[in-house]
Amino acid sequence: MQAFRFHPAVARWFEQTFGSPTEPQARGWPAIQSGGHVLISAPTGSGKTLA
């Protein structure tokens, strides 16, 4: 989670709640954090809302 540069409290909450990011999250977070516009297309239930 630290690779995504989240605040330590957020990273800890996510890891305790979900374990690891889904593919859409892992692929989307770097682009979102760089300030880019991001469109994530993935099946329902794949973690888009938390991306």
PDB file of N, CA and C in Angstrom:
ATOM      1  N   MET A   1       0.816  -1.195   0.000  1.00  0.00           N
ATOM      2  CA  MET A   1       0.000   0.000   0.000  1.00  0.00           C
ATOM      3  C   MET A   1       0.858   1.257   0.000  1.00  0.00           C
ATOM      4  N   GLN A   2       2.005   1.217   0.643  1.00  0.00           N
ATOM      5  CA  GLN A   2       2.844   2.409   0.683  1.00  0.00           C
ATOM      6  C   GLN A   2       3.311   2.815  -0.711  1.00  0.00           C
ATOM      7  N   ALA A   3       3.363   1.875  -1.633  1.00  0.00           N
ATOM      8  CA  ALA A   3       3.757   2.211  -2.997  1.00  0.00           C
ATOM      9  C   ALA A   3       2.788   3.216  -3.610  1.00  0.00           C
ATOM     10  N   PHE A   4       1.573   3.289  -3.073  1.00  0.00           N
ATOM     11  CA  PHE A   4       0.570   4.204  -3.603  1.00  0.00           C
ATOM     12  C   PHE A   4       0.562   5.547  -2.881  1.00  0.00           C
ATOM     13  N   ARG A   5       1.448   5.742  -1.922  1.00  0.00           N
ATOM     14  CA  ARG A   5       1.613   7.012  -1.213  1.00  0.00           C
ATOM     15  C   ARG A   5       0.356   7.477  -0.474  1.00  0.00           C
ATOM     16  N   PHE A   6      -0.364   6.547   0.117  1.00  0.00           N
ATOM     17  CA  PHE A   6      -1.502   6.922   0.947  1.00  0.00           C
ATOM     18  C   PHE A   6      -1.001   7.327   2.330  1.00  0.00           C
ATOM     19  N   HIS A   7      -1.770   8.148   3.008  1.00  0.00           N
ATOM     20  CA  HIS A   7      -1.474   8.464   4.403  1.00  0.00           C
ATOM     21  C   HIS A   7      -1.417   7.131   5.156  1.00  0.00           C
ATOM     22  N   PRO A   8      -0.492   6.975   6.093  1.00  0.00           N
ATOM     23  CA  PRO A   8      -0.366   5.701   6.808  1.00  0.00           C
ATOM     24  C   PRO A   8      -1.670   5.198   7.432  1.00  0.00           C
ATOM     25  N   ALA A   9      -2.490   6.099   7.954  1.00  0.00           N
ATOM     26  CA  ALA A   9      -3.766   5.674   8.551  1.00  0.00           C
ATOM     27  C   ALA A   9      -4.705   5.105   7.494  1.00  0.00           C
ATOM     28  N   VAL A  10      -4.720   5.701   6.316  1.00  0.00           N
ATOM     29  CA  VAL A  10      -5.573   5.214   5.226  1.00  0.00           C
ATOM     30  C   VAL A  10      -5.065   3.860   4.741  1.00  0.00           C
ATOM     31  N   ALA A  11      -3.762   3.742   4.561  1.00  0.00           N
ATOM     32  CA  ALA A  11      -3.171   2.480   4.108  1.00  0.00           C
ATOM     33  C   ALA A  11      -3.471   1.356   5.103  1.00  0.00           C
ATOM     34  N   ARG A  12      -3.328   1.652   6.392  1.00  0.00           N
ATOM     35  CA  ARG A  12      -3.587   0.657   7.439  1.00  0.00           C
ATOM     36  C   ARG A  12      -5.057   0.236   7.416  1.00  0.00           C
ATOM     37  N   TRP A  13      -5.983   1.211   7.306  1.00  0.00           N
ATOM     38  CA  TRP A  13      -7.416   0.893   7.252  1.00  0.00           C
ATOM     39  C   TRP A  13      -7.719   0.014   6.042  1.00  0.00           C
ATOM     40  N   PHE A  14      -7.178   0.384   4.884  1.00  0.00           N
ATOM     41  CA  PHE A  14      -7.463  -0.382   3.672  1.00  0.00           C
ATOM     42  C   PHE A  14      -6.953  -1.813   3.808  1.00  0.00           C
ATOM     43  N   GLU A  15      -5.716  -1.970   4.274  1.00  0.00           N
ATOM     44  CA  GLU A  15      -5.141  -3.310   4.416  1.00  0.00           C
ATOM     45  C   GLU A  15      -5.938  -4.163   5.396  1.00  0.00           C
ATOM     46  N   GLN A  16      -6.378  -3.576   6.501  1.00  0.00           N
ATOM     47  CA  GLN A  16      -7.146  -4.320   7.497  1.00  0.00           C
ATOM     48  C   GLN A  16      -8.543  -4.653   6.992  1.00  0.00           C
ATOM     49  N   THR A  17      -9.107  -3.786   6.163  1.00  0.00           N
ATOM     50  CA  THR A  17     -10.475  -3.967   5.685  1.00  0.00           C
ATOM     51  C   THR A  17     -10.554  -4.848   4.444  1.00  0.00           C
ATOM     52  N   PHE A  18      -9.639  -4.638   3.497  1.00  0.00           N
ATOM     53  CA  PHE A  18      -9.734  -5.317   2.206  1.00  0.00           C
ATOM     54  C   PHE A  18      -8.556  -6.231   1.885  1.00  0.00           C
ATOM     55  N   GLY A  19      -7.443  -6.071   2.549  1.00  0.00           N
ATOM     56  CA  GLY A  19      -6.284  -6.912   2.279  1.00  0.00           C
ATOM     57  C   GLY A  19      -5.370  -6.334   1.220  1.00  0.00           C
ATOM     58  N   SER A  20      -5.799  -6.396  -0.012  1.00  0.00           N
ATOM     59  CA  SER A  20      -4.979  -5.865  -1.104  1.00  0.00           C
ATOM     60  C   SER A  20      -5.888  -5.230  -2.154  1.00  0.00           C
ATOM     61  N   PRO A  21      -5.336  -4.336  -2.962  1.00  0.00           N
ATOM     62  CA  PRO A  21      -6.165  -3.667  -3.968  1.00  0.00           C
ATOM     63  C   PRO A  21      -6.583  -4.608  -5.094  1.00  0.00           C
ATOM     64  N   THR A  22      -7.730  -4.305  -5.673  1.00  0.00           N
ATOM     65  CA  THR A  22      -8.166  -5.041  -6.857  1.00  0.00           C
ATOM     66  C   THR A  22      -7.360  -4.542  -8.052  1.00  0.00           C
ATOM     67  N   GLU A  23      -7.453  -5.225  -9.165  1.00  0.00           N
ATOM     68  CA  GLU A  23      -6.711  -4.798 -10.357  1.00  0.00           C
ATOM     69  C   GLU A  23      -7.082  -3.377 -10.789  1.00  0.00           C
ATOM     70  N   PRO A  24      -8.379  -3.007 -10.850  1.00  0.00           N
ATOM     71  CA  PRO A  24      -8.699  -1.627 -11.229  1.00  0.00           C
ATOM     72  C   PRO A  24      -8.103  -0.595 -10.272  1.00  0.00           C
ATOM     73  N   GLN A  25      -8.075  -0.910  -8.983  1.00  0.00           N
ATOM     74  CA  GLN A  25      -7.486   0.010  -8.015  1.00  0.00           C
ATOM     75  C   GLN A  25      -5.980   0.131  -8.234  1.00  0.00           C
ATOM     76  N   ALA A  26      -5.306  -0.986  -8.343  1.00  0.00           N
ATOM     77  CA  ALA A  26      -3.850  -0.979  -8.513  1.00  0.00           C
ATOM     78  C   ALA A  26      -3.434  -0.267  -9.796  1.00  0.00           C
ATOM     79  N   ARG A  27      -4.232  -0.399 -10.830  1.00  0.00           N
ATOM     80  CA  ARG A  27      -3.898   0.252 -12.097  1.00  0.00           C
ATOM     81  C   ARG A  27      -4.334   1.710 -12.128  1.00  0.00           C
ATOM     82  N   GLY A  28      -5.398   2.047 -11.396  1.00  0.00           N
ATOM     83  CA  GLY A  28      -5.924   3.403 -11.433  1.00  0.00           C
ATOM     84  C   GLY A  28      -5.275   4.374 -10.473  1.00  0.00           C
ATOM     85  N   TRP A  29      -4.902   3.921  -9.291  1.00  0.00           N
ATOM     86  CA  TRP A  29      -4.362   4.826  -8.275  1.00  0.00           C
ATOM     87  C   TRP A  29      -3.146   5.623  -8.726  1.00  0.00           C
ATOM     88  N   PRO A  30      -2.163   5.021  -9.387  1.00  0.00           N
ATOM     89  CA  PRO A  30      -1.009   5.835  -9.804  1.00  0.00           C
ATOM     90  C   PRO A  30      -1.406   6.990 -10.730  1.00  0.00           C
ATOM     91  N   ALA A  31      -2.311   6.741 -11.659  1.00  0.00           N
ATOM     92  CA  ALA A  31      -2.751   7.797 -12.577  1.00  0.00           C
ATOM     93  C   ALA A  31      -3.545   8.867 -11.834  1.00  0.00           C
ATOM     94  N   ILE A  32      -4.381   8.445 -10.903  1.00  0.00           N
ATOM     95  CA  ILE A  32      -5.165   9.395 -10.116  1.00  0.00           C
ATOM     96  C   ILE A  32      -4.240  10.256  -9.268  1.00  0.00           C
ATOM     97  N   GLN A  33      -3.259   9.634  -8.633  1.00  0.00           N
ATOM     98  CA  GLN A  33      -2.342  10.369  -7.770  1.00  0.00           C
ATOM     99  C   GLN A  33      -1.443  11.320  -8.547  1.00  0.00           C
ATOM    100  N   SER A  34      -1.222  11.044  -9.823  1.00  0.00           N
ATOM    101  CA  SER A  34      -0.390  11.949 -10.621  1.00  0.00           C
ATOM    102  C   SER A  34      -1.178  13.159 -11.097  1.00  0.00           C
ATOM    103  N   GLY A  35      -2.492  13.166 -10.821  1.00  0.00           N
ATOM    104  CA  GLY A  35      -3.326  14.303 -11.190  1.00  0.00           C
ATOM    105  C   GLY A  35      -3.971  14.173 -12.555  1.00  0.00           C
ATOM    106  N   GLY A  36      -3.810  13.019 -13.169  1.00  0.00           N
ATOM    107  CA  GLY A  36      -4.387  12.817 -14.493  1.00  0.00           C
ATOM    108  C   GLY A  36      -5.879  12.529 -14.430  1.00  0.00           C
ATOM    109  N   HIS A  37      -6.521  12.696 -15.565  1.00  0.00           N
ATOM    110  CA  HIS A  37      -7.927  12.321 -15.692  1.00  0.00           C
ATOM    111  C   HIS A  37      -7.965  10.820 -15.921  1.00  0.00           C
ATOM    112  N   VAL A  38      -8.846  10.143 -15.221  1.00  0.00           N
ATOM    113  CA  VAL A  38      -8.858   8.687 -15.271  1.00  0.00           C
ATOM    114  C   VAL A  38     -10.279   8.188 -15.493  1.00  0.00           C
ATOM    115  N   LEU A  39     -10.428   7.261 -16.407  1.00  0.00           N
ATOM    116  CA  LEU A  39     -11.697   6.571 -16.623  1.00  0.00           C
ATOM    117  C   LEU A  39     -11.420   5.090 -16.397  1.00  0.00           C
ATOM    118  N   ILE A  40     -12.086   4.522 -15.412  1.00  0.00           N
ATOM    119  CA  ILE A  40     -11.896   3.108 -15.098  1.00  0.00           C
ATOM    120  C   ILE A  40     -13.147   2.356 -15.519  1.00  0.00           C
ATOM    121  N   SER A  41     -12.966   1.385 -16.381  1.00  0.00           N
ATOM    122  CA  SER A  41     -14.061   0.544 -16.837  1.00  0.00           C
ATOM    123  C   SER A  41     -13.783  -0.875 -16.350  1.00  0.00           C
ATOM    124  N   ALA A  42     -14.671  -1.391 -15.499  1.00  0.00           N
ATOM    125  CA  ALA A  42     -14.488  -2.720 -14.934  1.00  0.00           C
ATOM    126  C   ALA A  42     -15.846  -3.233 -14.467  1.00  0.00           C
ATOM    127  N   PRO A  43     -15.960  -4.535 -14.283  1.00  0.00           N
ATOM    128  CA  PRO A  43     -17.232  -5.109 -13.852  1.00  0.00           C
ATOM    129  C   PRO A  43     -17.688  -4.593 -12.485  1.00  0.00           C
ATOM    130  N   THR A  44     -18.979  -4.666 -12.248  1.00  0.00           N
ATOM    131  CA  THR A  44     -19.547  -4.311 -10.953  1.00  0.00           C
ATOM    132  C   THR A  44     -18.896  -5.162  -9.868  1.00  0.00           C
ATOM    133  N   GLY A  45     -18.561  -4.511  -8.749  1.00  0.00           N
ATOM    134  CA  GLY A  45     -17.970  -5.230  -7.629  1.00  0.00           C
ATOM    135  C   GLY A  45     -16.467  -5.376  -7.691  1.00  0.00           C
ATOM    136  N   SER A  46     -15.819  -4.668  -8.625  1.00  0.00           N
ATOM    137  CA  SER A  46     -14.371  -4.825  -8.799  1.00  0.00           C
ATOM    138  C   SER A  46     -13.549  -3.767  -8.086  1.00  0.00           C
ATOM    139  N   GLY A  47     -14.187  -2.855  -7.355  1.00  0.00           N
ATOM    140  CA  GLY A  47     -13.443  -1.880  -6.566  1.00  0.00           C
ATOM    141  C   GLY A  47     -13.310  -0.500  -7.166  1.00  0.00           C
ATOM    142  N   LYS A  48     -14.115  -0.170  -8.165  1.00  0.00           N
ATOM    143  CA  LYS A  48     -13.996   1.147  -8.805  1.00  0.00           C
ATOM    144  C   LYS A  48     -14.310   2.289  -7.844  1.00  0.00           C
ATOM    145  N   THR A  49     -15.321   2.124  -7.013  1.00  0.00           N
ATOM    146  CA  THR A  49     -15.708   3.208  -6.108  1.00  0.00           C
ATOM    147  C   THR A  49     -14.570   3.572  -5.173  1.00  0.00           C
ATOM    148  N   LEU A  50     -13.853   2.600  -4.671  1.00  0.00           N
ATOM    149  CA  LEU A  50     -12.733   2.871  -3.775  1.00  0.00           C
ATOM    150  C   LEU A  50     -11.469   3.265  -4.525  1.00  0.00           C
ATOM    151  N   ALA A  51     -11.480   3.191  -5.830  1.00  0.00           N
ATOM    152  CA  ALA A  51     -10.323   3.669  -6.600  1.00  0.00           C
ATOM    153  C   ALA A  51     -10.381   5.172  -6.614  1.00  0.00           C
TER     154      ALA A  51
END
